Amino acid sequence: KGGNMKKKNYPLRILLIFILSLFLGICSSQIATFPHITDFELGIGGDWMNATGDDFDWSQRSGSSTPSGGTGPQVSPYGALGTNGYVYIESSTPNYPSKQAWLDGKCDFTTNAAPQITVNYHMYASNGSSYGPGILQLDVYDGTSWTYDVWNNTASDVDWQKAKIDLSAYGGLPYVILSWTGYTTGWQSDVCIDELLIEDTGGGSNPLV
C-alpha cells in the first residue's frame, strides 16, 4: 500500500551490507549478467539475501501451504512456473501485525538500457481481508537515495500471480538495490515470491551463462 516505508534505520543497512561483504563474505553477490533468473529451489543466498534491521526474515519452502493455516500455495507444483521451491514470510506470532521482512538483491545495470524485473508472487488469506494477505512492495536504491513503493500488491488470490516491473529509470547505474518488503497485517499475512527474472528490455544485455 502506498506510504509504507522502511524503518528509519533502513539506510544504515547499506553500510552494514558493505562491511559484511568485505569481512564475513555472507552478503549476496552483485547481479551483473542478464537475463538473470532466481528460482529459490535450493534456498536463499548467493544473489538475494535477508537484510538486517527489519523485524523478521524470509524463509525458503518446497511444499504446500505455509505454516499459517489457509495461506500459501495450495496446489502442486507449489512454486511458480512448475517448480516447487519458493521464499515466503510467515506471519504467525510474533510476526504480526505491522511487521516487515526485507529481501535484497544488488544489481549492476551498467550495460542495461531498460532493465525490468518479473516477479511471480502468491498472496492468499482464506479467512478474508481482516487477516491478510498483507502487502508485497518493491523499493529501489539507486546508489544515492531510495524510491519507495515502486510497485506493490495487496490482493488475495489462491493462484500464483505475475507482474513485470519497469526499472528503466535505473538503466546504466552500477549499483542498484532491489528490495522486496513483505508487510504483515493479520496472522494470515503470508506472502510468497518465486522465479524472479531480471532482464534488459532495451538491448545491450549480456547472455545468460
N, C-alpha and C. Protein backbone atom coordinates (compact mmCIF):
# COMPACT_ATOMS: atom_id res chain seq x y z
N LYS A 1 0.86 -1.19 0.00
CA LYS A 1 0.00 0.00 0.00
C LYS A 1 0.88 1.23 0.00
N GLY A 2 0.51 2.23 -0.79
CA GLY A 2 1.30 3.44 -0.86
C GLY A 2 1.51 4.06 0.51
N GLY A 3 2.72 4.57 0.75
CA GLY A 3 3.00 5.22 2.01
C GLY A 3 3.76 4.32 2.99
N ASN A 4 3.73 3.02 2.78
CA ASN A 4 4.51 2.14 3.64
C ASN A 4 5.98 2.30 3.30
N MET A 5 6.78 2.55 4.31
CA MET A 5 8.20 2.79 4.09
C MET A 5 9.02 1.97 5.06
N LYS A 6 10.30 1.80 4.71
CA LYS A 6 11.20 1.09 5.57
C LYS A 6 11.37 1.85 6.89
N LYS A 7 11.82 1.14 7.90
CA LYS A 7 12.06 1.78 9.18
C LYS A 7 13.15 2.84 9.05
N LYS A 8 13.24 3.71 10.02
CA LYS A 8 14.20 4.81 9.96
C LYS A 8 15.64 4.32 9.93
N ASN A 9 15.90 3.13 10.43
CA ASN A 9 17.27 2.63 10.44
C ASN A 9 17.63 1.93 9.14
N TYR A 10 16.74 1.96 8.14
CA TYR A 10 16.98 1.22 6.91
C TYR A 10 18.23 1.68 6.17
N PRO A 11 18.49 3.00 5.97
CA PRO A 11 19.70 3.41 5.25
C PRO A 11 20.98 2.89 5.89
N LEU A 12 20.99 2.66 7.19
CA LEU A 12 22.17 2.14 7.86
C LEU A 12 22.54 0.77 7.33
N ARG A 13 21.59 0.05 6.78
CA ARG A 13 21.87 -1.29 6.27
C ARG A 13 22.86 -1.28 5.13
N ILE A 14 22.89 -0.20 4.37
CA ILE A 14 23.81 -0.14 3.23
C ILE A 14 25.25 -0.25 3.72
N LEU A 15 25.58 0.48 4.79
CA LEU A 15 26.91 0.38 5.38
C LEU A 15 27.15 -1.02 5.91
N LEU A 16 26.15 -1.60 6.58
CA LEU A 16 26.30 -2.95 7.12
C LEU A 16 26.51 -3.97 6.01
N ILE A 17 25.84 -3.78 4.88
CA ILE A 17 25.99 -4.69 3.74
C ILE A 17 27.44 -4.70 3.27
N PHE A 18 28.05 -3.52 3.13
CA PHE A 18 29.43 -3.46 2.67
C PHE A 18 30.37 -4.12 3.67
N ILE A 19 30.16 -3.88 4.96
CA ILE A 19 31.02 -4.45 6.00
C ILE A 19 30.93 -5.97 5.99
N LEU A 20 29.69 -6.49 5.94
CA LEU A 20 29.51 -7.93 5.91
C LEU A 20 30.13 -8.55 4.67
N SER A 21 30.00 -7.87 3.55
CA SER A 21 30.54 -8.38 2.31
C SER A 21 32.06 -8.46 2.35
N LEU A 22 32.69 -7.44 2.92
CA LEU A 22 34.14 -7.39 2.94
C LEU A 22 34.76 -8.34 3.95
N PHE A 23 34.14 -8.46 5.13
CA PHE A 23 34.78 -9.18 6.22
C PHE A 23 34.18 -10.55 6.52
N LEU A 24 32.91 -10.75 6.20
CA LEU A 24 32.28 -12.03 6.53
C LEU A 24 31.94 -12.85 5.32
N GLY A 25 31.82 -12.20 4.17
CA GLY A 25 31.55 -12.92 2.94
C GLY A 25 30.17 -13.54 2.87
N ILE A 26 29.19 -13.00 3.62
CA ILE A 26 27.88 -13.62 3.63
C ILE A 26 26.83 -12.81 2.87
N CYS A 27 27.24 -11.68 2.34
CA CYS A 27 26.29 -10.86 1.61
C CYS A 27 26.10 -11.41 0.20
N SER A 28 24.97 -11.12 -0.40
CA SER A 28 24.73 -11.58 -1.75
C SER A 28 25.70 -10.92 -2.72
N SER A 29 26.08 -11.66 -3.75
CA SER A 29 26.95 -11.11 -4.77
C SER A 29 26.14 -10.20 -5.68
N GLN A 30 26.82 -9.29 -6.36
CA GLN A 30 26.12 -8.36 -7.22
C GLN A 30 25.71 -9.05 -8.52
N ILE A 31 24.46 -8.85 -8.92
CA ILE A 31 23.94 -9.44 -10.14
C ILE A 31 24.36 -8.55 -11.30
N ALA A 32 25.16 -9.11 -12.22
CA ALA A 32 25.71 -8.29 -13.30
C ALA A 32 25.58 -8.94 -14.67
N THR A 33 25.07 -10.16 -14.75
CA THR A 33 24.88 -10.86 -16.02
C THR A 33 23.39 -11.06 -16.25
N PHE A 34 22.92 -10.68 -17.41
CA PHE A 34 21.49 -10.68 -17.67
C PHE A 34 21.18 -11.38 -19.00
N PRO A 35 20.02 -12.04 -19.13
CA PRO A 35 18.98 -12.16 -18.11
C PRO A 35 19.42 -13.00 -16.93
N HIS A 36 18.87 -12.70 -15.75
CA HIS A 36 19.22 -13.40 -14.52
C HIS A 36 17.96 -13.97 -13.89
N ILE A 37 17.98 -15.27 -13.60
CA ILE A 37 16.82 -15.95 -13.05
C ILE A 37 17.14 -16.52 -11.68
N THR A 38 16.24 -16.34 -10.73
CA THR A 38 16.35 -16.95 -9.41
C THR A 38 15.10 -17.76 -9.14
N ASP A 39 15.27 -19.08 -8.86
CA ASP A 39 14.10 -19.94 -8.67
C ASP A 39 13.89 -20.39 -7.24
N PHE A 40 14.85 -20.13 -6.34
CA PHE A 40 14.72 -20.45 -4.92
C PHE A 40 14.47 -21.95 -4.66
N GLU A 41 14.93 -22.80 -5.55
CA GLU A 41 14.74 -24.23 -5.34
C GLU A 41 15.61 -24.76 -4.20
N LEU A 42 16.77 -24.17 -4.00
CA LEU A 42 17.72 -24.70 -3.01
C LEU A 42 17.88 -23.81 -1.79
N GLY A 43 17.14 -22.71 -1.72
CA GLY A 43 17.25 -21.85 -0.55
C GLY A 43 17.45 -20.39 -0.93
N ILE A 44 17.86 -19.60 0.05
CA ILE A 44 18.13 -18.17 -0.14
C ILE A 44 19.63 -17.97 -0.03
N GLY A 45 20.17 -17.13 -0.89
CA GLY A 45 21.59 -16.86 -0.80
C GLY A 45 22.21 -16.79 -2.18
N GLY A 46 23.38 -16.15 -2.23
CA GLY A 46 24.06 -16.01 -3.49
C GLY A 46 23.72 -14.71 -4.18
N ASP A 47 22.47 -14.60 -4.67
CA ASP A 47 22.09 -13.38 -5.36
C ASP A 47 21.07 -12.54 -4.60
N TRP A 48 20.31 -13.14 -3.68
CA TRP A 48 19.37 -12.41 -2.83
C TRP A 48 19.69 -12.72 -1.38
N MET A 49 19.40 -11.80 -0.47
CA MET A 49 19.74 -12.01 0.93
C MET A 49 18.70 -11.40 1.84
N ASN A 50 18.54 -12.01 3.02
CA ASN A 50 17.76 -11.39 4.09
C ASN A 50 18.56 -10.22 4.63
N ALA A 51 17.95 -9.05 4.63
CA ALA A 51 18.63 -7.87 5.10
C ALA A 51 18.51 -7.74 6.62
N THR A 52 19.38 -6.94 7.20
CA THR A 52 19.35 -6.69 8.64
C THR A 52 18.53 -5.44 8.92
N GLY A 53 18.05 -5.34 10.15
CA GLY A 53 17.33 -4.14 10.58
C GLY A 53 15.83 -4.22 10.48
N ASP A 54 15.32 -5.33 9.93
CA ASP A 54 13.87 -5.48 9.83
C ASP A 54 13.35 -6.25 11.02
N ASP A 55 12.11 -6.77 10.95
CA ASP A 55 11.50 -7.45 12.09
C ASP A 55 11.70 -8.97 12.09
N PHE A 56 11.78 -9.56 10.90
CA PHE A 56 11.99 -11.00 10.80
C PHE A 56 12.46 -11.31 9.38
N ASP A 57 12.74 -12.59 9.09
CA ASP A 57 13.34 -12.98 7.82
C ASP A 57 12.38 -13.69 6.88
N TRP A 58 12.73 -13.64 5.60
CA TRP A 58 12.12 -14.50 4.61
C TRP A 58 12.67 -15.92 4.78
N SER A 59 11.88 -16.93 4.46
CA SER A 59 12.29 -18.33 4.56
C SER A 59 12.03 -19.03 3.23
N GLN A 60 12.73 -20.16 3.03
CA GLN A 60 12.52 -20.96 1.82
C GLN A 60 11.68 -22.17 2.15
N ARG A 61 10.83 -22.60 1.21
CA ARG A 61 9.97 -23.75 1.41
C ARG A 61 9.78 -24.48 0.09
N SER A 62 9.61 -25.78 0.15
CA SER A 62 9.31 -26.59 -1.03
C SER A 62 8.14 -27.49 -0.67
N GLY A 63 6.94 -26.99 -0.80
CA GLY A 63 5.79 -27.79 -0.43
C GLY A 63 4.54 -26.96 -0.31
N SER A 64 3.46 -27.60 0.10
CA SER A 64 2.16 -26.95 0.14
C SER A 64 2.01 -26.05 1.35
N SER A 65 1.30 -24.97 1.15
CA SER A 65 0.92 -24.05 2.21
C SER A 65 2.13 -23.51 2.96
N THR A 66 1.89 -22.53 3.79
CA THR A 66 2.88 -22.03 4.73
C THR A 66 2.34 -22.35 6.13
N PRO A 67 3.16 -22.23 7.17
CA PRO A 67 2.71 -22.66 8.49
C PRO A 67 1.40 -22.04 8.98
N SER A 68 1.09 -20.80 8.59
CA SER A 68 -0.21 -20.23 8.95
C SER A 68 -1.30 -20.99 8.21
N GLY A 69 -2.36 -21.39 8.89
CA GLY A 69 -3.44 -22.13 8.24
C GLY A 69 -4.13 -21.33 7.15
N GLY A 70 -4.44 -21.99 6.03
CA GLY A 70 -5.17 -21.33 4.97
C GLY A 70 -4.41 -20.29 4.20
N THR A 71 -3.08 -20.41 4.16
CA THR A 71 -2.25 -19.47 3.41
C THR A 71 -1.29 -20.25 2.54
N GLY A 72 -0.61 -19.54 1.67
CA GLY A 72 0.41 -20.17 0.84
C GLY A 72 -0.17 -20.97 -0.31
N PRO A 73 0.71 -21.45 -1.21
CA PRO A 73 0.27 -22.22 -2.38
C PRO A 73 -0.47 -23.48 -1.96
N GLN A 74 -1.56 -23.77 -2.65
CA GLN A 74 -2.43 -24.87 -2.26
C GLN A 74 -2.36 -26.08 -3.20
N VAL A 75 -1.80 -25.91 -4.40
CA VAL A 75 -1.83 -26.97 -5.41
C VAL A 75 -0.42 -27.25 -5.92
N SER A 76 -0.08 -28.53 -6.07
CA SER A 76 1.21 -28.93 -6.62
C SER A 76 1.24 -28.73 -8.13
N PRO A 77 2.38 -28.30 -8.71
CA PRO A 77 3.61 -27.90 -8.04
C PRO A 77 3.43 -26.57 -7.31
N TYR A 78 4.03 -26.48 -6.15
CA TYR A 78 3.71 -25.38 -5.24
C TYR A 78 4.41 -24.07 -5.58
N GLY A 79 5.57 -24.16 -6.22
CA GLY A 79 6.23 -22.94 -6.66
C GLY A 79 5.62 -22.42 -7.95
N ALA A 80 6.15 -21.33 -8.44
CA ALA A 80 5.65 -20.75 -9.69
C ALA A 80 6.27 -21.43 -10.90
N LEU A 81 5.59 -21.40 -12.01
CA LEU A 81 6.09 -21.88 -13.30
C LEU A 81 6.50 -23.34 -13.26
N GLY A 82 5.76 -24.14 -12.50
CA GLY A 82 6.01 -25.57 -12.48
C GLY A 82 7.10 -26.04 -11.55
N THR A 83 7.64 -25.15 -10.71
CA THR A 83 8.67 -25.52 -9.74
C THR A 83 8.04 -25.72 -8.37
N ASN A 84 8.84 -26.14 -7.40
CA ASN A 84 8.32 -26.35 -6.05
C ASN A 84 8.86 -25.37 -5.02
N GLY A 85 10.13 -24.99 -5.14
CA GLY A 85 10.73 -24.11 -4.15
C GLY A 85 10.30 -22.66 -4.31
N TYR A 86 10.16 -21.96 -3.19
CA TYR A 86 9.82 -20.54 -3.20
C TYR A 86 10.25 -19.95 -1.86
N VAL A 87 10.23 -18.63 -1.75
CA VAL A 87 10.51 -17.98 -0.46
C VAL A 87 9.24 -17.28 0.01
N TYR A 88 9.12 -17.15 1.32
CA TYR A 88 7.88 -16.61 1.88
C TYR A 88 8.15 -15.93 3.22
N ILE A 89 7.19 -15.11 3.66
CA ILE A 89 7.22 -14.57 5.01
C ILE A 89 6.12 -15.27 5.80
N GLU A 90 6.44 -15.65 7.01
CA GLU A 90 5.49 -16.33 7.91
C GLU A 90 4.98 -15.34 8.94
N SER A 91 3.67 -15.10 8.92
CA SER A 91 3.10 -14.05 9.75
C SER A 91 2.60 -14.51 11.11
N SER A 92 2.77 -15.78 11.44
CA SER A 92 2.34 -16.24 12.76
C SER A 92 3.09 -15.51 13.86
N THR A 93 2.57 -15.58 15.08
CA THR A 93 3.19 -14.94 16.23
C THR A 93 4.69 -15.26 16.28
N PRO A 94 5.56 -14.25 16.44
CA PRO A 94 5.28 -12.85 16.76
C PRO A 94 5.39 -11.91 15.56
N ASN A 95 5.16 -12.40 14.36
CA ASN A 95 5.45 -11.63 13.16
C ASN A 95 4.29 -10.78 12.64
N TYR A 96 3.32 -10.48 13.47
CA TYR A 96 2.23 -9.60 13.06
C TYR A 96 1.72 -8.87 14.29
N PRO A 97 0.98 -7.74 14.13
CA PRO A 97 0.72 -7.03 12.87
C PRO A 97 1.78 -5.97 12.60
N SER A 98 1.73 -5.42 11.40
CA SER A 98 2.59 -4.28 11.00
C SER A 98 4.07 -4.58 11.17
N LYS A 99 4.48 -5.80 10.81
CA LYS A 99 5.89 -6.18 10.84
C LYS A 99 6.42 -6.26 9.41
N GLN A 100 7.74 -6.07 9.27
CA GLN A 100 8.37 -6.01 7.96
C GLN A 100 9.47 -7.06 7.83
N ALA A 101 9.59 -7.62 6.62
CA ALA A 101 10.71 -8.51 6.29
C ALA A 101 11.28 -8.04 4.96
N TRP A 102 12.61 -7.91 4.88
CA TRP A 102 13.27 -7.34 3.70
C TRP A 102 14.14 -8.38 3.02
N LEU A 103 14.03 -8.48 1.70
CA LEU A 103 14.85 -9.37 0.89
C LEU A 103 15.48 -8.53 -0.22
N ASP A 104 16.81 -8.49 -0.24
CA ASP A 104 17.52 -7.57 -1.13
C ASP A 104 18.36 -8.28 -2.18
N GLY A 105 18.43 -7.68 -3.36
CA GLY A 105 19.34 -8.11 -4.42
C GLY A 105 20.08 -6.90 -4.95
N LYS A 106 21.41 -7.02 -5.10
CA LYS A 106 22.23 -5.92 -5.61
C LYS A 106 22.48 -6.14 -7.09
N CYS A 107 22.29 -5.09 -7.89
CA CYS A 107 22.42 -5.21 -9.34
C CYS A 107 23.38 -4.18 -9.91
N ASP A 108 24.10 -4.59 -10.96
CA ASP A 108 24.92 -3.69 -11.76
C ASP A 108 24.23 -3.54 -13.12
N PHE A 109 23.59 -2.40 -13.34
CA PHE A 109 22.85 -2.17 -14.57
C PHE A 109 23.65 -1.35 -15.58
N THR A 110 24.98 -1.36 -15.48
CA THR A 110 25.81 -0.55 -16.36
C THR A 110 25.52 -0.82 -17.82
N THR A 111 25.33 -2.09 -18.19
CA THR A 111 25.11 -2.45 -19.59
C THR A 111 23.64 -2.57 -19.95
N ASN A 112 22.75 -2.19 -19.06
CA ASN A 112 21.31 -2.32 -19.28
C ASN A 112 20.67 -0.97 -19.59
N ALA A 113 20.08 -0.86 -20.77
CA ALA A 113 19.41 0.38 -21.15
C ALA A 113 18.04 0.51 -20.49
N ALA A 114 17.34 -0.61 -20.37
CA ALA A 114 15.98 -0.58 -19.82
C ALA A 114 15.72 -1.85 -19.02
N PRO A 115 16.30 -1.94 -17.82
CA PRO A 115 16.10 -3.15 -17.02
C PRO A 115 14.64 -3.32 -16.58
N GLN A 116 14.28 -4.57 -16.36
CA GLN A 116 12.93 -4.92 -15.92
C GLN A 116 13.04 -6.16 -15.04
N ILE A 117 12.20 -6.23 -14.01
CA ILE A 117 12.13 -7.44 -13.20
C ILE A 117 10.73 -8.02 -13.29
N THR A 118 10.67 -9.32 -13.51
CA THR A 118 9.41 -10.05 -13.48
C THR A 118 9.37 -10.85 -12.20
N VAL A 119 8.29 -10.71 -11.44
CA VAL A 119 8.13 -11.42 -10.18
C VAL A 119 6.88 -12.27 -10.23
N ASN A 120 6.99 -13.52 -9.80
CA ASN A 120 5.84 -14.37 -9.57
C ASN A 120 5.57 -14.33 -8.07
N TYR A 121 4.34 -14.05 -7.68
CA TYR A 121 4.04 -13.88 -6.26
C TYR A 121 2.73 -14.56 -5.90
N HIS A 122 2.64 -14.96 -4.64
CA HIS A 122 1.44 -15.65 -4.15
C HIS A 122 1.04 -15.01 -2.83
N MET A 123 -0.19 -14.49 -2.77
CA MET A 123 -0.70 -13.84 -1.58
C MET A 123 -2.13 -14.31 -1.38
N TYR A 124 -2.35 -15.13 -0.36
CA TYR A 124 -3.67 -15.74 -0.19
C TYR A 124 -4.00 -15.86 1.29
N ALA A 125 -5.14 -15.33 1.68
CA ALA A 125 -5.64 -15.45 3.05
C ALA A 125 -7.06 -15.99 2.99
N SER A 126 -7.25 -17.25 3.39
CA SER A 126 -8.53 -17.92 3.23
C SER A 126 -9.64 -17.34 4.11
N ASN A 127 -9.26 -16.62 5.18
CA ASN A 127 -10.26 -16.07 6.09
C ASN A 127 -10.64 -14.62 5.78
N GLY A 128 -10.14 -14.09 4.66
CA GLY A 128 -10.57 -12.76 4.25
C GLY A 128 -9.60 -11.65 4.60
N SER A 129 -9.96 -10.43 4.18
CA SER A 129 -9.06 -9.28 4.27
C SER A 129 -8.72 -8.86 5.69
N SER A 130 -9.52 -9.25 6.66
CA SER A 130 -9.20 -8.90 8.05
C SER A 130 -7.95 -9.62 8.54
N TYR A 131 -7.58 -10.69 7.87
CA TYR A 131 -6.43 -11.50 8.28
C TYR A 131 -5.24 -11.36 7.33
N GLY A 132 -5.47 -10.91 6.13
CA GLY A 132 -4.38 -10.81 5.18
C GLY A 132 -4.91 -10.34 3.83
N PRO A 133 -4.08 -10.45 2.77
CA PRO A 133 -2.82 -11.19 2.72
C PRO A 133 -1.60 -10.35 3.01
N GLY A 134 -1.76 -9.14 3.50
CA GLY A 134 -0.60 -8.29 3.74
C GLY A 134 -0.25 -7.49 2.50
N ILE A 135 0.97 -7.03 2.44
CA ILE A 135 1.45 -6.18 1.35
C ILE A 135 2.80 -6.69 0.86
N LEU A 136 2.95 -6.79 -0.45
CA LEU A 136 4.25 -7.03 -1.07
C LEU A 136 4.63 -5.76 -1.81
N GLN A 137 5.83 -5.25 -1.52
CA GLN A 137 6.24 -3.96 -2.07
C GLN A 137 7.68 -4.03 -2.54
N LEU A 138 7.97 -3.37 -3.66
CA LEU A 138 9.34 -3.26 -4.15
C LEU A 138 9.83 -1.84 -3.97
N ASP A 139 10.97 -1.68 -3.29
CA ASP A 139 11.64 -0.41 -3.13
C ASP A 139 12.99 -0.50 -3.83
N VAL A 140 13.50 0.62 -4.32
CA VAL A 140 14.74 0.61 -5.10
C VAL A 140 15.69 1.70 -4.60
N TYR A 141 16.95 1.29 -4.41
CA TYR A 141 18.03 2.22 -4.06
C TYR A 141 18.91 2.41 -5.28
N ASP A 142 19.16 3.67 -5.69
CA ASP A 142 19.90 3.94 -6.92
C ASP A 142 21.37 4.27 -6.70
N GLY A 143 21.85 4.03 -5.50
CA GLY A 143 23.23 4.36 -5.18
C GLY A 143 23.34 5.63 -4.38
N THR A 144 22.26 6.42 -4.37
CA THR A 144 22.23 7.68 -3.62
C THR A 144 21.03 7.78 -2.70
N SER A 145 19.85 7.41 -3.20
CA SER A 145 18.63 7.56 -2.42
C SER A 145 17.65 6.44 -2.75
N TRP A 146 16.65 6.29 -1.87
CA TRP A 146 15.62 5.26 -2.03
C TRP A 146 14.39 5.82 -2.71
N THR A 147 13.79 5.01 -3.57
CA THR A 147 12.44 5.26 -4.08
C THR A 147 11.56 4.17 -3.52
N TYR A 148 10.61 4.55 -2.65
CA TYR A 148 9.74 3.58 -2.01
C TYR A 148 8.48 3.34 -2.85
N ASP A 149 7.98 2.12 -2.74
CA ASP A 149 6.71 1.77 -3.38
C ASP A 149 6.77 1.92 -4.90
N VAL A 150 7.84 1.40 -5.51
CA VAL A 150 7.92 1.37 -6.97
C VAL A 150 6.81 0.49 -7.53
N TRP A 151 6.46 -0.53 -6.76
CA TRP A 151 5.36 -1.43 -7.12
C TRP A 151 4.85 -2.07 -5.84
N ASN A 152 3.54 -2.39 -5.79
CA ASN A 152 3.03 -3.13 -4.64
C ASN A 152 1.78 -3.91 -5.03
N ASN A 153 1.44 -4.89 -4.21
CA ASN A 153 0.20 -5.64 -4.37
C ASN A 153 -0.37 -5.94 -2.99
N THR A 154 -1.71 -5.88 -2.90
CA THR A 154 -2.40 -6.18 -1.64
C THR A 154 -3.53 -7.19 -1.84
N ALA A 155 -3.70 -7.67 -3.08
CA ALA A 155 -4.86 -8.50 -3.40
C ALA A 155 -4.60 -9.97 -3.08
N SER A 156 -5.62 -10.64 -2.54
CA SER A 156 -5.55 -12.06 -2.24
C SER A 156 -6.01 -12.86 -3.45
N ASP A 157 -5.27 -13.94 -3.78
CA ASP A 157 -5.62 -14.80 -4.90
C ASP A 157 -5.08 -16.19 -4.59
N VAL A 158 -5.88 -17.21 -4.81
CA VAL A 158 -5.44 -18.58 -4.50
C VAL A 158 -4.38 -19.06 -5.47
N ASP A 159 -4.25 -18.40 -6.62
CA ASP A 159 -3.27 -18.79 -7.63
C ASP A 159 -2.05 -17.87 -7.60
N TRP A 160 -0.95 -18.37 -8.20
CA TRP A 160 0.21 -17.52 -8.39
C TRP A 160 -0.13 -16.40 -9.37
N GLN A 161 0.40 -15.21 -9.12
CA GLN A 161 0.23 -14.06 -10.00
C GLN A 161 1.60 -13.63 -10.51
N LYS A 162 1.60 -12.80 -11.53
CA LYS A 162 2.85 -12.34 -12.14
C LYS A 162 2.77 -10.85 -12.42
N ALA A 163 3.91 -10.17 -12.22
CA ALA A 163 3.99 -8.74 -12.54
C ALA A 163 5.33 -8.45 -13.20
N LYS A 164 5.30 -7.59 -14.21
CA LYS A 164 6.52 -7.09 -14.84
C LYS A 164 6.70 -5.64 -14.39
N ILE A 165 7.84 -5.35 -13.80
CA ILE A 165 8.07 -4.04 -13.20
C ILE A 165 9.17 -3.30 -13.95
N ASP A 166 8.86 -2.14 -14.47
CA ASP A 166 9.78 -1.34 -15.26
C ASP A 166 10.83 -0.70 -14.35
N LEU A 167 12.10 -0.98 -14.65
CA LEU A 167 13.21 -0.39 -13.89
C LEU A 167 14.08 0.48 -14.79
N SER A 168 13.53 0.96 -15.91
CA SER A 168 14.33 1.72 -16.87
C SER A 168 14.91 2.99 -16.28
N ALA A 169 14.31 3.49 -15.21
CA ALA A 169 14.85 4.69 -14.56
C ALA A 169 16.23 4.43 -13.97
N TYR A 170 16.58 3.16 -13.82
CA TYR A 170 17.86 2.80 -13.20
C TYR A 170 18.84 2.22 -14.22
N GLY A 171 18.48 2.28 -15.51
CA GLY A 171 19.37 1.80 -16.55
C GLY A 171 20.70 2.54 -16.55
N GLY A 172 21.80 1.80 -16.70
CA GLY A 172 23.13 2.39 -16.75
C GLY A 172 23.78 2.61 -15.40
N LEU A 173 23.07 2.38 -14.31
CA LEU A 173 23.63 2.62 -12.98
C LEU A 173 24.41 1.39 -12.49
N PRO A 174 25.56 1.61 -11.87
CA PRO A 174 26.41 0.47 -11.48
C PRO A 174 26.05 -0.20 -10.17
N TYR A 175 25.24 0.46 -9.33
CA TYR A 175 24.92 -0.13 -8.02
C TYR A 175 23.48 0.19 -7.66
N VAL A 176 22.63 -0.80 -7.80
CA VAL A 176 21.20 -0.64 -7.51
C VAL A 176 20.78 -1.77 -6.58
N ILE A 177 20.03 -1.46 -5.54
CA ILE A 177 19.48 -2.48 -4.65
C ILE A 177 17.98 -2.60 -4.91
N LEU A 178 17.54 -3.81 -5.24
CA LEU A 178 16.12 -4.10 -5.35
C LEU A 178 15.70 -4.74 -4.03
N SER A 179 14.77 -4.15 -3.35
CA SER A 179 14.41 -4.59 -2.01
C SER A 179 12.92 -4.94 -1.93
N TRP A 180 12.64 -6.23 -1.75
CA TRP A 180 11.26 -6.68 -1.53
C TRP A 180 10.93 -6.55 -0.06
N THR A 181 9.81 -5.91 0.23
CA THR A 181 9.32 -5.81 1.60
C THR A 181 7.99 -6.55 1.70
N GLY A 182 7.91 -7.47 2.65
CA GLY A 182 6.64 -8.10 2.99
C GLY A 182 6.14 -7.47 4.27
N TYR A 183 4.92 -6.90 4.23
CA TYR A 183 4.29 -6.31 5.40
C TYR A 183 3.16 -7.23 5.87
N THR A 184 3.09 -7.48 7.16
CA THR A 184 2.01 -8.30 7.68
C THR A 184 0.89 -7.43 8.25
N THR A 185 -0.33 -7.95 8.15
CA THR A 185 -1.48 -7.29 8.77
C THR A 185 -2.04 -8.19 9.85
N GLY A 186 -2.61 -9.33 9.48
CA GLY A 186 -3.10 -10.31 10.43
C GLY A 186 -2.21 -11.53 10.45
N TRP A 187 -2.66 -12.57 11.14
CA TRP A 187 -1.82 -13.77 11.29
C TRP A 187 -1.82 -14.62 10.03
N GLN A 188 -2.59 -14.22 8.99
CA GLN A 188 -2.53 -14.92 7.71
C GLN A 188 -1.97 -14.02 6.61
N SER A 189 -1.04 -13.17 6.96
CA SER A 189 -0.46 -12.23 6.00
C SER A 189 0.78 -12.81 5.33
N ASP A 190 0.76 -14.09 5.03
CA ASP A 190 1.91 -14.72 4.39
C ASP A 190 2.00 -14.28 2.93
N VAL A 191 3.23 -14.02 2.48
CA VAL A 191 3.49 -13.60 1.11
C VAL A 191 4.60 -14.48 0.55
N CYS A 192 4.45 -14.95 -0.68
CA CYS A 192 5.46 -15.80 -1.33
C CYS A 192 5.93 -15.14 -2.62
N ILE A 193 7.21 -15.31 -2.96
CA ILE A 193 7.72 -14.89 -4.26
C ILE A 193 8.58 -15.99 -4.83
N ASP A 194 8.67 -16.03 -6.16
CA ASP A 194 9.40 -17.10 -6.84
C ASP A 194 9.72 -16.67 -8.26
N GLU A 195 10.67 -17.38 -8.88
CA GLU A 195 11.00 -17.20 -10.29
C GLU A 195 11.17 -15.72 -10.65
N LEU A 196 12.18 -15.10 -10.04
CA LEU A 196 12.49 -13.71 -10.33
C LEU A 196 13.36 -13.64 -11.59
N LEU A 197 12.94 -12.87 -12.54
CA LEU A 197 13.68 -12.69 -13.80
C LEU A 197 14.04 -11.22 -13.96
N ILE A 198 15.34 -10.94 -14.03
CA ILE A 198 15.82 -9.59 -14.29
C ILE A 198 16.43 -9.60 -15.68
N GLU A 199 15.97 -8.69 -16.53
CA GLU A 199 16.45 -8.65 -17.91
C GLU A 199 16.46 -7.24 -18.43
N ASP A 200 17.16 -7.05 -19.56
CA ASP A 200 17.20 -5.76 -20.22
C ASP A 200 16.23 -5.79 -21.39
N THR A 201 15.24 -4.92 -21.37
CA THR A 201 14.26 -4.87 -22.45
C THR A 201 14.62 -3.85 -23.51
N GLY A 202 15.78 -3.19 -23.33
CA GLY A 202 16.16 -2.16 -24.28
C GLY A 202 17.42 -2.46 -25.06
N GLY A 203 17.87 -3.74 -25.04
CA GLY A 203 19.09 -4.09 -25.75
C GLY A 203 20.32 -3.85 -24.91
N GLY A 204 21.41 -4.44 -25.32
CA GLY A 204 22.69 -4.25 -24.64
C GLY A 204 22.91 -5.17 -23.48
N SER A 205 22.06 -6.18 -23.26
CA SER A 205 22.25 -7.10 -22.11
C SER A 205 23.24 -8.18 -22.48
N ASN A 206 23.79 -8.77 -21.44
CA ASN A 206 24.71 -9.90 -21.63
C ASN A 206 23.92 -11.18 -21.72
N PRO A 207 24.44 -12.23 -22.39
CA PRO A 207 23.73 -13.51 -22.45
C PRO A 207 23.76 -14.22 -21.12
N LEU A 208 22.75 -15.03 -20.86
CA LEU A 208 22.71 -15.83 -19.64
C LEU A 208 23.77 -16.90 -19.71
N VAL A 209 24.56 -17.03 -18.64
CA VAL A 209 25.61 -18.06 -18.58
C VAL A 209 25.42 -18.89 -17.36
